[in-house]
Amino acid sequence: MSPPSPTFSTRWRGAKRWPGWLAIGLVVVVLLAVGVNQNSAPETPQERIEDISKRLACPTCDGESVFESRANASVAIRAEIASQVADGERSDEEIITFIEQRYGGRVLLVPKATGLDALVWVLPVVALVCATAGLAVAFRRWKRAADTIPSDEDRVLVAAALRDEHVLDTAGDGVAGDD
């Protein structure tokens, strides 16, 4: 008796799953894009000063933002931010760029979203997605391999191997039957 061949319905069942997963992936990507690009701009000048201060690192402290630090350098940076916000001539990004030029790139708590800085943030996400996809493909192959039905030829080979082993056991030359 030969194993049943896959019918159109079993093939179609596997193909019907992909659009669902694709739709879920698309929804996740869209939600992430919306979340990243959502702009919740501060409304008052004080909120704007705090927002900019939270994005800059204290040049003399380790691991503290300008907003948290009480060091002289942070106080000076906050005063500069307050002065520029009061002038109203520069955007938040322009103020941050001004502070960065004055104190160096080490004052940025969040790297810029361009060039090498963006690559540093994107590569781990790409690696995670590729690893997940690779595992999904591997698990799918392993599942298919485990679901294989032996053919008549496979059964004949196994029966012949068992017979040969039984012959060896009864002749006393084999080790498999020693109890």
N, C-alpha and C. Protein backbone atom coordinates (compact mmCIF):
# COMPACT_ATOMS: atom_id res chain seq x y z
N MET A 1 0.84 -1.17 0.00
CA MET A 1 0.00 0.00 0.00
C MET A 1 0.90 1.25 0.00
N SER A 2 0.70 2.12 -0.94
CA SER A 2 1.55 3.31 -1.05
C SER A 2 1.00 4.41 -0.15
N PRO A 3 1.87 5.28 0.31
CA PRO A 3 1.41 6.36 1.18
C PRO A 3 0.52 7.32 0.40
N PRO A 4 -0.40 7.95 1.09
CA PRO A 4 -1.29 8.87 0.41
C PRO A 4 -0.52 10.10 -0.08
N SER A 5 -0.81 10.48 -1.31
CA SER A 5 -0.14 11.67 -1.85
C SER A 5 -0.90 12.90 -1.37
N PRO A 6 -0.17 14.00 -1.19
CA PRO A 6 -0.85 15.21 -0.72
C PRO A 6 -1.87 15.70 -1.74
N THR A 7 -3.03 15.95 -1.29
CA THR A 7 -4.09 16.41 -2.18
C THR A 7 -4.05 17.92 -2.28
N PHE A 8 -4.86 18.43 -3.16
CA PHE A 8 -4.94 19.87 -3.35
C PHE A 8 -5.37 20.56 -2.06
N SER A 9 -6.29 19.94 -1.33
CA SER A 9 -6.81 20.58 -0.12
C SER A 9 -5.74 20.68 0.96
N THR A 10 -4.88 19.67 1.12
CA THR A 10 -3.83 19.76 2.14
C THR A 10 -2.77 20.77 1.73
N ARG A 11 -2.48 20.87 0.44
CA ARG A 11 -1.53 21.88 -0.02
C ARG A 11 -2.12 23.27 0.19
N TRP A 12 -3.39 23.44 -0.13
CA TRP A 12 -4.05 24.74 -0.02
C TRP A 12 -4.13 25.18 1.44
N ARG A 13 -4.31 24.23 2.36
CA ARG A 13 -4.40 24.57 3.78
C ARG A 13 -3.09 25.23 4.25
N GLY A 14 -1.96 24.72 3.80
CA GLY A 14 -0.68 25.32 4.16
C GLY A 14 -0.50 26.69 3.52
N ALA A 15 -0.99 26.84 2.30
CA ALA A 15 -0.86 28.12 1.60
C ALA A 15 -1.79 29.18 2.20
N LYS A 16 -2.89 28.76 2.80
CA LYS A 16 -3.83 29.72 3.39
C LYS A 16 -3.27 30.36 4.65
N ARG A 17 -2.30 29.76 5.28
CA ARG A 17 -1.73 30.31 6.52
C ARG A 17 -0.85 31.53 6.25
N TRP A 18 -0.15 31.55 5.13
CA TRP A 18 0.80 32.62 4.85
C TRP A 18 0.16 34.00 4.78
N PRO A 19 -0.98 34.17 4.13
CA PRO A 19 -1.57 35.52 4.12
C PRO A 19 -1.90 36.03 5.51
N GLY A 20 -2.33 35.15 6.40
CA GLY A 20 -2.62 35.57 7.77
C GLY A 20 -1.38 36.07 8.48
N TRP A 21 -0.29 35.32 8.35
CA TRP A 21 0.96 35.74 8.99
C TRP A 21 1.49 37.01 8.35
N LEU A 22 1.33 37.13 7.05
CA LEU A 22 1.76 38.33 6.36
C LEU A 22 0.97 39.54 6.85
N ALA A 23 -0.34 39.37 7.03
CA ALA A 23 -1.19 40.46 7.52
C ALA A 23 -0.78 40.87 8.94
N ILE A 24 -0.50 39.91 9.80
CA ILE A 24 -0.08 40.21 11.17
C ILE A 24 1.25 40.96 11.15
N GLY A 25 2.18 40.51 10.32
CA GLY A 25 3.47 41.19 10.21
C GLY A 25 3.32 42.61 9.72
N LEU A 26 2.44 42.80 8.75
CA LEU A 26 2.20 44.13 8.21
C LEU A 26 1.59 45.06 9.27
N VAL A 27 0.66 44.54 10.05
CA VAL A 27 0.05 45.33 11.12
C VAL A 27 1.10 45.73 12.16
N VAL A 28 1.97 44.82 12.52
CA VAL A 28 3.03 45.12 13.50
C VAL A 28 3.95 46.21 12.96
N VAL A 29 4.34 46.09 11.70
CA VAL A 29 5.24 47.09 11.11
C VAL A 29 4.56 48.46 11.08
N VAL A 30 3.29 48.50 10.69
CA VAL A 30 2.57 49.78 10.64
C VAL A 30 2.45 50.39 12.04
N LEU A 31 2.11 49.56 13.04
CA LEU A 31 1.99 50.08 14.41
C LEU A 31 3.32 50.60 14.93
N LEU A 32 4.41 49.88 14.62
CA LEU A 32 5.73 50.36 15.04
C LEU A 32 6.07 51.68 14.35
N ALA A 33 5.76 51.78 13.07
CA ALA A 33 6.04 53.02 12.34
C ALA A 33 5.24 54.19 12.91
N VAL A 34 3.99 53.96 13.23
CA VAL A 34 3.15 55.01 13.80
C VAL A 34 3.67 55.39 15.19
N GLY A 35 4.04 54.41 15.98
CA GLY A 35 4.55 54.69 17.33
C GLY A 35 5.85 55.46 17.31
N VAL A 36 6.72 55.14 16.37
CA VAL A 36 8.01 55.83 16.28
C VAL A 36 7.82 57.26 15.80
N ASN A 37 6.91 57.46 14.87
CA ASN A 37 6.74 58.79 14.28
C ASN A 37 5.72 59.67 14.99
N GLN A 38 5.11 59.14 16.04
CA GLN A 38 4.10 59.94 16.74
C GLN A 38 4.79 61.11 17.43
N ASN A 39 4.25 62.28 17.22
CA ASN A 39 4.85 63.48 17.77
C ASN A 39 4.01 63.99 18.93
N SER A 40 4.56 63.90 20.11
CA SER A 40 3.88 64.45 21.27
C SER A 40 4.71 65.63 21.76
N ALA A 41 4.65 66.69 20.99
CA ALA A 41 5.47 67.87 21.27
C ALA A 41 5.02 68.54 22.56
N PRO A 42 5.98 69.05 23.33
CA PRO A 42 5.63 69.76 24.55
C PRO A 42 4.87 71.04 24.21
N GLU A 43 3.99 71.42 25.12
CA GLU A 43 3.12 72.57 24.84
C GLU A 43 3.66 73.87 25.40
N THR A 44 4.24 73.84 26.58
CA THR A 44 4.73 75.08 27.19
C THR A 44 6.25 75.17 27.01
N PRO A 45 6.81 76.36 27.15
CA PRO A 45 8.28 76.51 27.06
C PRO A 45 9.01 75.66 28.12
N GLN A 46 8.45 75.58 29.33
CA GLN A 46 9.10 74.78 30.38
C GLN A 46 9.12 73.30 30.00
N GLU A 47 8.01 72.79 29.44
CA GLU A 47 7.97 71.40 28.99
C GLU A 47 8.98 71.18 27.86
N ARG A 48 9.12 72.16 27.00
CA ARG A 48 10.08 72.06 25.90
C ARG A 48 11.51 72.01 26.43
N ILE A 49 11.82 72.86 27.42
CA ILE A 49 13.15 72.85 28.03
C ILE A 49 13.42 71.49 28.68
N GLU A 50 12.45 70.96 29.41
CA GLU A 50 12.61 69.65 30.05
C GLU A 50 12.80 68.55 29.02
N ASP A 51 12.03 68.60 27.93
CA ASP A 51 12.14 67.59 26.88
C ASP A 51 13.53 67.60 26.25
N ILE A 52 14.04 68.78 25.95
CA ILE A 52 15.38 68.88 25.36
C ILE A 52 16.43 68.43 26.38
N SER A 53 16.28 68.82 27.64
CA SER A 53 17.24 68.45 28.69
C SER A 53 17.29 66.94 28.91
N LYS A 54 16.17 66.26 28.71
CA LYS A 54 16.13 64.80 28.88
C LYS A 54 16.82 64.08 27.74
N ARG A 55 17.01 64.75 26.63
CA ARG A 55 17.63 64.12 25.46
C ARG A 55 19.15 64.33 25.42
N LEU A 56 19.67 65.11 26.35
CA LEU A 56 21.10 65.41 26.38
C LEU A 56 21.74 64.81 27.63
N ALA A 57 22.96 64.30 27.47
CA ALA A 57 23.69 63.72 28.59
C ALA A 57 24.58 64.79 29.24
N CYS A 58 24.71 64.67 30.53
CA CYS A 58 25.60 65.56 31.26
C CYS A 58 27.04 65.28 30.80
N PRO A 59 27.79 66.32 30.40
CA PRO A 59 29.15 66.08 29.92
C PRO A 59 30.14 65.67 31.01
N THR A 60 29.82 65.93 32.27
CA THR A 60 30.74 65.59 33.35
C THR A 60 30.28 64.40 34.19
N CYS A 61 29.03 64.00 34.07
CA CYS A 61 28.49 62.89 34.87
C CYS A 61 28.42 61.63 34.01
N ASP A 62 28.39 60.50 34.67
CA ASP A 62 28.22 59.23 33.96
C ASP A 62 26.78 58.77 34.04
N GLY A 63 26.14 58.64 32.90
CA GLY A 63 24.81 58.06 32.83
C GLY A 63 23.68 58.95 33.29
N GLU A 64 23.92 60.24 33.43
CA GLU A 64 22.84 61.14 33.83
C GLU A 64 22.51 62.10 32.70
N SER A 65 21.24 62.44 32.60
CA SER A 65 20.85 63.43 31.61
C SER A 65 21.07 64.82 32.19
N VAL A 66 21.03 65.82 31.33
CA VAL A 66 21.14 67.20 31.77
C VAL A 66 19.97 67.54 32.68
N PHE A 67 18.82 66.94 32.41
CA PHE A 67 17.63 67.18 33.22
C PHE A 67 17.82 66.71 34.66
N GLU A 68 18.48 65.56 34.86
CA GLU A 68 18.65 64.97 36.19
C GLU A 68 19.83 65.54 36.95
N SER A 69 20.89 65.88 36.23
CA SER A 69 22.15 66.26 36.86
C SER A 69 22.10 67.65 37.49
N ARG A 70 22.86 67.80 38.57
CA ARG A 70 22.99 69.10 39.24
C ARG A 70 24.41 69.65 39.09
N ALA A 71 25.19 69.04 38.19
CA ALA A 71 26.57 69.50 37.95
C ALA A 71 26.53 70.87 37.26
N ASN A 72 27.63 71.61 37.44
CA ASN A 72 27.70 72.96 36.86
C ASN A 72 27.51 72.95 35.35
N ALA A 73 28.08 71.96 34.67
CA ALA A 73 27.96 71.88 33.21
C ALA A 73 26.49 71.69 32.81
N SER A 74 25.76 70.87 33.54
CA SER A 74 24.35 70.64 33.23
C SER A 74 23.51 71.89 33.50
N VAL A 75 23.84 72.59 34.58
CA VAL A 75 23.13 73.83 34.89
C VAL A 75 23.36 74.84 33.76
N ALA A 76 24.58 74.93 33.26
CA ALA A 76 24.90 75.85 32.17
C ALA A 76 24.16 75.44 30.89
N ILE A 77 24.09 74.15 30.61
CA ILE A 77 23.38 73.67 29.41
C ILE A 77 21.89 73.97 29.53
N ARG A 78 21.32 73.74 30.71
CA ARG A 78 19.89 74.05 30.90
C ARG A 78 19.63 75.55 30.72
N ALA A 79 20.53 76.37 31.20
CA ALA A 79 20.37 77.83 31.03
C ALA A 79 20.45 78.20 29.55
N GLU A 80 21.36 77.57 28.82
CA GLU A 80 21.47 77.84 27.38
C GLU A 80 20.21 77.39 26.65
N ILE A 81 19.70 76.22 27.02
CA ILE A 81 18.46 75.73 26.40
C ILE A 81 17.32 76.70 26.70
N ALA A 82 17.20 77.14 27.95
CA ALA A 82 16.13 78.06 28.34
C ALA A 82 16.25 79.38 27.57
N SER A 83 17.47 79.85 27.39
CA SER A 83 17.70 81.10 26.65
C SER A 83 17.26 80.94 25.19
N GLN A 84 17.63 79.84 24.58
CA GLN A 84 17.29 79.63 23.17
C GLN A 84 15.80 79.37 22.98
N VAL A 85 15.17 78.68 23.94
CA VAL A 85 13.72 78.46 23.85
C VAL A 85 12.99 79.80 24.00
N ALA A 86 13.48 80.67 24.92
CA ALA A 86 12.86 81.97 25.12
C ALA A 86 12.99 82.85 23.88
N ASP A 87 14.12 82.73 23.18
CA ASP A 87 14.31 83.50 21.94
C ASP A 87 13.31 83.05 20.88
N GLY A 88 13.00 81.76 20.86
CA GLY A 88 12.03 81.22 19.91
C GLY A 88 12.51 81.17 18.48
N GLU A 89 13.81 81.30 18.24
CA GLU A 89 14.33 81.31 16.88
C GLU A 89 14.72 79.92 16.37
N ARG A 90 15.01 79.00 17.29
CA ARG A 90 15.49 77.68 16.89
C ARG A 90 14.50 76.60 17.29
N SER A 91 14.50 75.52 16.46
CA SER A 91 13.69 74.35 16.79
C SER A 91 14.45 73.51 17.82
N ASP A 92 13.79 72.50 18.36
CA ASP A 92 14.42 71.61 19.34
C ASP A 92 15.67 70.96 18.75
N GLU A 93 15.56 70.49 17.52
CA GLU A 93 16.70 69.82 16.86
C GLU A 93 17.85 70.79 16.66
N GLU A 94 17.55 72.02 16.32
CA GLU A 94 18.61 73.01 16.14
C GLU A 94 19.30 73.33 17.46
N ILE A 95 18.53 73.39 18.53
CA ILE A 95 19.12 73.63 19.86
C ILE A 95 20.02 72.47 20.25
N ILE A 96 19.55 71.26 20.02
CA ILE A 96 20.36 70.07 20.35
C ILE A 96 21.63 70.05 19.51
N THR A 97 21.53 70.39 18.23
CA THR A 97 22.72 70.45 17.36
C THR A 97 23.70 71.51 17.86
N PHE A 98 23.19 72.65 18.30
CA PHE A 98 24.03 73.71 18.85
C PHE A 98 24.79 73.21 20.08
N ILE A 99 24.09 72.57 21.01
CA ILE A 99 24.71 72.04 22.23
C ILE A 99 25.73 70.96 21.86
N GLU A 100 25.38 70.11 20.89
CA GLU A 100 26.29 69.04 20.47
C GLU A 100 27.58 69.63 19.89
N GLN A 101 27.46 70.68 19.08
CA GLN A 101 28.65 71.31 18.50
C GLN A 101 29.52 71.95 19.59
N ARG A 102 28.87 72.46 20.60
CA ARG A 102 29.59 73.14 21.67
C ARG A 102 30.30 72.15 22.61
N TYR A 103 29.62 71.02 22.93
CA TYR A 103 30.16 70.07 23.91
C TYR A 103 30.62 68.75 23.29
N GLY A 104 30.38 68.54 22.02
CA GLY A 104 30.78 67.30 21.35
C GLY A 104 29.65 66.29 21.32
N GLY A 105 29.81 65.25 20.50
CA GLY A 105 28.77 64.24 20.28
C GLY A 105 28.44 63.41 21.50
N ARG A 106 29.29 63.47 22.53
CA ARG A 106 29.04 62.63 23.71
C ARG A 106 27.86 63.11 24.54
N VAL A 107 27.32 64.30 24.25
CA VAL A 107 26.18 64.80 25.02
C VAL A 107 24.85 64.26 24.51
N LEU A 108 24.85 63.54 23.40
CA LEU A 108 23.60 62.99 22.89
C LEU A 108 23.25 61.69 23.61
N LEU A 109 22.09 61.66 24.26
CA LEU A 109 21.63 60.43 24.91
C LEU A 109 21.04 59.46 23.88
N VAL A 110 20.37 60.00 22.88
CA VAL A 110 19.78 59.19 21.82
C VAL A 110 20.52 59.50 20.54
N PRO A 111 21.15 58.50 19.93
CA PRO A 111 21.90 58.75 18.70
C PRO A 111 20.98 59.27 17.59
N LYS A 112 21.58 59.96 16.65
CA LYS A 112 20.82 60.46 15.51
C LYS A 112 20.29 59.28 14.70
N ALA A 113 19.20 59.51 14.00
CA ALA A 113 18.57 58.45 13.21
C ALA A 113 19.08 58.44 11.78
N THR A 114 20.34 58.79 11.58
CA THR A 114 20.91 58.78 10.24
C THR A 114 22.28 58.13 10.29
N GLY A 115 22.72 57.66 9.14
CA GLY A 115 24.07 57.14 8.99
C GLY A 115 24.38 55.95 9.88
N LEU A 116 25.57 55.95 10.42
CA LEU A 116 26.06 54.84 11.24
C LEU A 116 25.26 54.69 12.52
N ASP A 117 24.80 55.80 13.09
CA ASP A 117 24.00 55.74 14.32
C ASP A 117 22.71 54.96 14.08
N ALA A 118 22.06 55.19 12.95
CA ALA A 118 20.83 54.47 12.63
C ALA A 118 21.12 52.99 12.42
N LEU A 119 22.24 52.69 11.80
CA LEU A 119 22.62 51.30 11.56
C LEU A 119 22.80 50.54 12.87
N VAL A 120 23.38 51.20 13.86
CA VAL A 120 23.59 50.57 15.17
C VAL A 120 22.24 50.20 15.82
N TRP A 121 21.22 51.01 15.60
CA TRP A 121 19.91 50.73 16.17
C TRP A 121 19.14 49.70 15.35
N VAL A 122 19.33 49.67 14.04
CA VAL A 122 18.54 48.81 13.17
C VAL A 122 19.09 47.39 13.10
N LEU A 123 20.40 47.23 13.13
CA LEU A 123 21.00 45.90 12.97
C LEU A 123 20.50 44.85 13.96
N PRO A 124 20.38 45.14 15.25
CA PRO A 124 19.85 44.12 16.16
C PRO A 124 18.42 43.69 15.82
N VAL A 125 17.61 44.63 15.38
CA VAL A 125 16.23 44.31 15.01
C VAL A 125 16.23 43.41 13.77
N VAL A 126 17.06 43.74 12.79
CA VAL A 126 17.15 42.93 11.57
C VAL A 126 17.66 41.52 11.92
N ALA A 127 18.65 41.45 12.79
CA ALA A 127 19.17 40.14 13.20
C ALA A 127 18.10 39.31 13.90
N LEU A 128 17.30 39.94 14.75
CA LEU A 128 16.23 39.23 15.45
C LEU A 128 15.18 38.72 14.47
N VAL A 129 14.80 39.55 13.51
CA VAL A 129 13.80 39.13 12.51
C VAL A 129 14.34 37.98 11.67
N CYS A 130 15.60 38.08 11.23
CA CYS A 130 16.19 37.00 10.43
C CYS A 130 16.31 35.71 11.23
N ALA A 131 16.71 35.82 12.50
CA ALA A 131 16.83 34.62 13.34
C ALA A 131 15.47 33.97 13.55
N THR A 132 14.43 34.77 13.78
CA THR A 132 13.09 34.24 13.96
C THR A 132 12.60 33.55 12.69
N ALA A 133 12.84 34.18 11.54
CA ALA A 133 12.44 33.58 10.27
C ALA A 133 13.20 32.29 10.03
N GLY A 134 14.50 32.28 10.33
CA GLY A 134 15.29 31.07 10.16
C GLY A 134 14.81 29.93 11.05
N LEU A 135 14.48 30.26 12.29
CA LEU A 135 13.95 29.23 13.20
C LEU A 135 12.60 28.71 12.71
N ALA A 136 11.76 29.60 12.20
CA ALA A 136 10.46 29.17 11.68
C ALA A 136 10.63 28.21 10.52
N VAL A 137 11.55 28.51 9.62
CA VAL A 137 11.81 27.62 8.47
C VAL A 137 12.37 26.29 8.97
N ALA A 138 13.31 26.33 9.91
CA ALA A 138 13.91 25.09 10.42
C ALA A 138 12.86 24.22 11.12
N PHE A 139 12.03 24.83 11.96
CA PHE A 139 11.00 24.06 12.65
C PHE A 139 10.00 23.46 11.66
N ARG A 140 9.69 24.21 10.62
CA ARG A 140 8.75 23.71 9.61
C ARG A 140 9.35 22.49 8.89
N ARG A 141 10.63 22.57 8.55
CA ARG A 141 11.30 21.43 7.89
C ARG A 141 11.35 20.22 8.82
N TRP A 142 11.67 20.46 10.09
CA TRP A 142 11.74 19.35 11.04
C TRP A 142 10.37 18.71 11.21
N LYS A 143 9.32 19.53 11.22
CA LYS A 143 7.98 18.99 11.36
C LYS A 143 7.61 18.15 10.15
N ARG A 144 7.96 18.64 8.97
CA ARG A 144 7.68 17.86 7.75
C ARG A 144 8.44 16.54 7.78
N ALA A 145 9.69 16.57 8.23
CA ALA A 145 10.49 15.35 8.29
C ALA A 145 9.90 14.36 9.29
N ALA A 146 9.34 14.86 10.37
CA ALA A 146 8.75 13.99 11.39
C ALA A 146 7.40 13.42 10.93
N ASP A 147 6.74 14.12 10.02
CA ASP A 147 5.44 13.67 9.56
C ASP A 147 5.49 12.73 8.36
N THR A 148 6.68 12.34 7.93
CA THR A 148 6.78 11.48 6.75
C THR A 148 6.27 10.08 7.07
N ILE A 149 5.62 9.52 6.10
CA ILE A 149 5.07 8.16 6.23
C ILE A 149 6.01 7.23 5.48
N PRO A 150 6.43 6.11 6.11
CA PRO A 150 7.37 5.22 5.44
C PRO A 150 6.72 4.56 4.20
N SER A 151 7.52 4.41 3.17
CA SER A 151 7.03 3.76 1.95
C SER A 151 7.16 2.25 2.11
N ASP A 152 6.64 1.53 1.11
CA ASP A 152 6.76 0.07 1.13
C ASP A 152 8.22 -0.35 1.06
N GLU A 153 9.03 0.38 0.31
CA GLU A 153 10.45 0.08 0.22
C GLU A 153 11.12 0.23 1.59
N ASP A 154 10.73 1.27 2.34
CA ASP A 154 11.29 1.47 3.68
C ASP A 154 10.92 0.31 4.59
N ARG A 155 9.68 -0.13 4.50
CA ARG A 155 9.23 -1.25 5.34
C ARG A 155 9.99 -2.53 5.00
N VAL A 156 10.24 -2.77 3.70
CA VAL A 156 10.99 -3.97 3.27
C VAL A 156 12.40 -3.90 3.82
N LEU A 157 13.04 -2.73 3.76
CA LEU A 157 14.40 -2.58 4.28
C LEU A 157 14.46 -2.84 5.78
N VAL A 158 13.49 -2.32 6.53
CA VAL A 158 13.47 -2.53 7.97
C VAL A 158 13.23 -4.00 8.29
N ALA A 159 12.30 -4.61 7.58
CA ALA A 159 12.04 -6.04 7.81
C ALA A 159 13.27 -6.88 7.51
N ALA A 160 13.98 -6.55 6.44
CA ALA A 160 15.20 -7.30 6.09
C ALA A 160 16.27 -7.10 7.17
N ALA A 161 16.41 -5.88 7.68
CA ALA A 161 17.40 -5.62 8.72
C ALA A 161 17.05 -6.37 10.00
N LEU A 162 15.75 -6.40 10.34
CA LEU A 162 15.33 -7.14 11.54
C LEU A 162 15.56 -8.63 11.36
N ARG A 163 15.29 -9.11 10.15
CA ARG A 163 15.50 -10.53 9.89
C ARG A 163 16.98 -10.88 10.01
N ASP A 164 17.85 -10.04 9.43
CA ASP A 164 19.29 -10.28 9.52
C ASP A 164 19.75 -10.27 10.97
N GLU A 165 19.21 -9.34 11.77
CA GLU A 165 19.58 -9.26 13.18
C GLU A 165 19.09 -10.51 13.91
N HIS A 166 17.88 -10.97 13.58
CA HIS A 166 17.33 -12.17 14.22
C HIS A 166 18.16 -13.40 13.87
N VAL A 167 18.61 -13.47 12.62
CA VAL A 167 19.45 -14.60 12.20
C VAL A 167 20.75 -14.59 12.97
N LEU A 168 21.34 -13.43 13.12
CA LEU A 168 22.59 -13.32 13.86
C LEU A 168 22.39 -13.70 15.33
N ASP A 169 21.26 -13.27 15.92
CA ASP A 169 20.99 -13.58 17.32
C ASP A 169 20.81 -15.08 17.55
N THR A 170 20.10 -15.73 16.65
CA THR A 170 19.86 -17.16 16.82
C THR A 170 21.09 -17.97 16.56
N ALA A 171 22.04 -17.43 15.76
CA ALA A 171 23.28 -18.17 15.48
C ALA A 171 24.29 -17.96 16.61
N GLY A 172 24.01 -16.97 17.51
CA GLY A 172 24.90 -16.74 18.64
C GLY A 172 26.00 -15.78 18.34
N ASP A 173 26.05 -15.25 17.13
CA ASP A 173 27.11 -14.31 16.79
C ASP A 173 26.77 -12.88 17.18
N GLY A 174 25.50 -12.59 17.35
CA GLY A 174 25.06 -11.21 17.63
C GLY A 174 25.13 -10.88 19.09
N VAL A 175 25.09 -9.60 19.39
CA VAL A 175 25.14 -9.14 20.75
C VAL A 175 23.77 -8.59 21.17
N ALA A 176 22.93 -8.30 20.22
CA ALA A 176 21.67 -7.61 20.49
C ALA A 176 20.73 -8.44 21.35
N GLY A 177 20.74 -9.73 21.24
CA GLY A 177 19.77 -10.55 21.97
C GLY A 177 20.27 -11.04 23.31
N ASP A 178 21.48 -10.68 23.75
CA ASP A 178 22.01 -11.15 25.04
C ASP A 178 21.25 -10.49 26.19
N ASP A 179 20.55 -11.28 26.97
CA ASP A 179 19.80 -10.74 28.12
C ASP A 179 20.35 -11.25 29.40
